[in-house]
């Protein structure tokens, strides 16, 4: 009985380690995706501001 409890405890511990490692990996990948999305949004805003400036310049001429 004691040996079975030790084996069960070890299995649960190792399973928990894999779960924690999986959560860390998922969080890292999610953070990278958010960073990439923010970069793309920043580029889009920069392009919009540039085009707006060109439109104002053409209107002023």
N, C-alpha and C. Protein backbone atom coordinates (compact mmCIF):
# COMPACT_ATOMS: atom_id res chain seq x y z
N UNK A 1 0.82 -1.20 0.00
CA UNK A 1 0.00 0.00 0.00
C UNK A 1 0.86 1.26 0.00
N UNK A 2 1.90 1.25 0.81
CA UNK A 2 2.77 2.43 0.90
C UNK A 2 3.48 2.66 -0.44
N UNK A 3 3.91 1.58 -1.10
CA UNK A 3 4.59 1.70 -2.39
C UNK A 3 3.64 2.28 -3.45
N UNK A 4 2.37 1.86 -3.40
CA UNK A 4 1.38 2.38 -4.34
C UNK A 4 1.16 3.87 -4.14
N UNK A 5 1.13 4.30 -2.90
CA UNK A 5 0.94 5.73 -2.60
C UNK A 5 2.13 6.55 -3.09
N UNK A 6 3.34 6.01 -2.92
CA UNK A 6 4.54 6.71 -3.38
C UNK A 6 4.50 6.84 -4.90
N UNK A 7 4.13 5.75 -5.60
CA UNK A 7 4.06 5.77 -7.06
C UNK A 7 3.01 6.76 -7.54
N UNK A 8 1.85 6.76 -6.89
CA UNK A 8 0.78 7.69 -7.24
C UNK A 8 1.21 9.13 -7.00
N UNK A 9 1.84 9.39 -5.89
CA UNK A 9 2.31 10.75 -5.57
C UNK A 9 3.35 11.21 -6.58
N UNK A 10 4.25 10.31 -6.96
CA UNK A 10 5.28 10.66 -7.94
C UNK A 10 4.65 10.97 -9.30
N UNK A 11 3.67 10.16 -9.69
CA UNK A 11 2.99 10.38 -10.97
C UNK A 11 2.28 11.73 -10.97
N UNK A 12 1.61 12.06 -9.88
CA UNK A 12 0.92 13.35 -9.78
C UNK A 12 1.90 14.51 -9.81
N UNK A 13 3.02 14.35 -9.13
CA UNK A 13 4.04 15.39 -9.10
C UNK A 13 4.60 15.65 -10.49
N UNK A 14 4.93 14.58 -11.21
CA UNK A 14 5.47 14.74 -12.56
C UNK A 14 4.42 15.32 -13.51
N UNK A 15 3.18 14.90 -13.34
CA UNK A 15 2.10 15.46 -14.15
C UNK A 15 1.93 16.95 -13.91
N UNK A 16 2.07 17.35 -12.65
CA UNK A 16 1.99 18.77 -12.31
C UNK A 16 3.12 19.56 -12.91
N UNK A 17 4.31 18.98 -12.96
CA UNK A 17 5.46 19.67 -13.55
C UNK A 17 5.22 19.92 -15.04
N UNK A 18 4.68 18.91 -15.72
CA UNK A 18 4.40 19.09 -17.14
C UNK A 18 3.34 20.17 -17.35
N UNK A 19 2.35 20.22 -16.49
CA UNK A 19 1.30 21.22 -16.60
C UNK A 19 1.86 22.62 -16.39
N UNK A 20 2.69 22.79 -15.37
CA UNK A 20 3.29 24.10 -15.09
C UNK A 20 4.19 24.51 -16.25
N UNK A 21 4.97 23.57 -16.77
CA UNK A 21 5.84 23.89 -17.90
C UNK A 21 5.00 24.26 -19.12
N UNK A 22 3.90 23.57 -19.33
CA UNK A 22 3.01 23.89 -20.45
C UNK A 22 2.41 25.27 -20.31
N UNK A 23 2.04 25.63 -19.09
CA UNK A 23 1.47 26.96 -18.85
C UNK A 23 2.52 28.03 -19.13
N UNK A 24 3.75 27.79 -18.70
CA UNK A 24 4.82 28.76 -18.96
C UNK A 24 5.03 28.94 -20.45
N UNK A 25 5.05 27.83 -21.19
CA UNK A 25 5.26 27.89 -22.63
C UNK A 25 4.11 28.63 -23.31
N UNK A 26 2.88 28.30 -22.93
CA UNK A 26 1.72 28.97 -23.51
C UNK A 26 1.74 30.47 -23.22
N UNK A 27 2.11 30.83 -22.00
CA UNK A 27 2.15 32.25 -21.63
C UNK A 27 3.21 32.98 -22.45
N UNK A 28 4.36 32.33 -22.65
CA UNK A 28 5.43 32.96 -23.43
C UNK A 28 4.98 33.17 -24.87
N UNK A 29 4.36 32.14 -25.46
CA UNK A 29 3.89 32.25 -26.84
C UNK A 29 2.79 33.31 -26.95
N UNK A 30 1.92 33.37 -25.97
CA UNK A 30 0.87 34.39 -25.96
C UNK A 30 1.44 35.79 -25.89
N UNK A 31 2.45 35.96 -25.05
CA UNK A 31 3.11 37.26 -24.94
C UNK A 31 3.78 37.67 -26.24
N UNK A 32 4.39 36.71 -26.92
CA UNK A 32 5.02 37.01 -28.20
C UNK A 32 3.97 37.41 -29.24
N UNK A 33 2.83 36.74 -29.23
CA UNK A 33 1.75 37.05 -30.17
C UNK A 33 1.21 38.46 -29.92
N UNK A 34 1.06 38.82 -28.65
CA UNK A 34 0.58 40.16 -28.31
C UNK A 34 1.60 41.20 -28.77
N UNK A 35 2.87 40.93 -28.53
CA UNK A 35 3.91 41.87 -28.97
C UNK A 35 3.91 42.05 -30.47
N UNK A 36 3.74 40.96 -31.20
CA UNK A 36 3.70 41.04 -32.67
C UNK A 36 2.47 41.84 -33.12
N UNK A 37 1.34 41.61 -32.46
CA UNK A 37 0.13 42.35 -32.79
C UNK A 37 0.28 43.84 -32.54
N UNK A 38 0.92 44.19 -31.43
CA UNK A 38 1.15 45.61 -31.13
C UNK A 38 2.09 46.25 -32.14
N UNK A 39 3.09 45.49 -32.58
CA UNK A 39 4.01 46.00 -33.58
C UNK A 39 3.27 46.29 -34.89
N UNK A 40 2.42 45.36 -35.30
CA UNK A 40 1.65 45.56 -36.53
C UNK A 40 0.70 46.76 -36.39
N UNK A 41 0.08 46.90 -35.23
CA UNK A 41 -0.82 48.02 -35.01
C UNK A 41 -0.06 49.33 -35.06
N UNK A 42 1.13 49.35 -34.49
CA UNK A 42 1.96 50.56 -34.54
C UNK A 42 2.34 50.93 -35.95
N UNK A 43 2.66 49.94 -36.75
CA UNK A 43 2.99 50.20 -38.16
C UNK A 43 1.78 50.75 -38.90
N UNK A 44 0.60 50.19 -38.65
CA UNK A 44 -0.61 50.66 -39.31
C UNK A 44 -0.92 52.11 -38.92
N UNK A 45 -0.75 52.43 -37.65
CA UNK A 45 -0.99 53.80 -37.19
C UNK A 45 0.01 54.75 -37.84
N UNK A 46 1.27 54.33 -37.90
CA UNK A 46 2.29 55.16 -38.54
C UNK A 46 1.97 55.42 -40.00
N UNK A 47 1.53 54.40 -40.70
CA UNK A 47 1.15 54.57 -42.11
C UNK A 47 -0.03 55.52 -42.26
N UNK A 48 -1.02 55.39 -41.37
CA UNK A 48 -2.19 56.25 -41.43
C UNK A 48 -1.81 57.71 -41.17
N UNK A 49 -0.94 57.94 -40.21
CA UNK A 49 -0.51 59.31 -39.91
C UNK A 49 0.27 59.88 -41.09
N UNK A 50 1.11 59.07 -41.69
CA UNK A 50 1.88 59.53 -42.85
C UNK A 50 0.96 59.91 -44.01
N UNK A 51 -0.02 59.07 -44.29
CA UNK A 51 -0.95 59.36 -45.38
C UNK A 51 -1.81 60.59 -45.06
N UNK A 52 -2.17 60.74 -43.80
CA UNK A 52 -2.93 61.93 -43.39
C UNK A 52 -2.12 63.19 -43.58
N UNK A 53 -0.85 63.11 -43.25
CA UNK A 53 0.04 64.27 -43.45
C UNK A 53 0.20 64.60 -44.91
N UNK A 54 0.31 63.61 -45.76
CA UNK A 54 0.42 63.84 -47.20
C UNK A 54 -0.87 64.48 -47.73
N UNK A 55 -2.03 64.03 -47.26
CA UNK A 55 -3.30 64.60 -47.71
C UNK A 55 -3.41 66.07 -47.30
N UNK A 56 -2.98 66.37 -46.08
CA UNK A 56 -3.02 67.78 -45.63
C UNK A 56 -2.08 68.62 -46.47
N UNK A 57 -0.91 68.09 -46.78
CA UNK A 57 0.07 68.81 -47.60
C UNK A 57 -0.50 69.10 -48.99
N UNK A 58 -1.15 68.10 -49.59
CA UNK A 58 -1.73 68.30 -50.93
C UNK A 58 -2.88 69.30 -50.88
N UNK A 59 -3.65 69.28 -49.81
CA UNK A 59 -4.77 70.22 -49.67
C UNK A 59 -4.24 71.65 -49.52
N UNK A 60 -3.13 71.79 -48.82
CA UNK A 60 -2.57 73.11 -48.58
C UNK A 60 -1.98 73.71 -49.87
N UNK A 61 -1.58 72.85 -50.78
CA UNK A 61 -0.98 73.35 -52.03
C UNK A 61 -2.05 73.80 -52.95
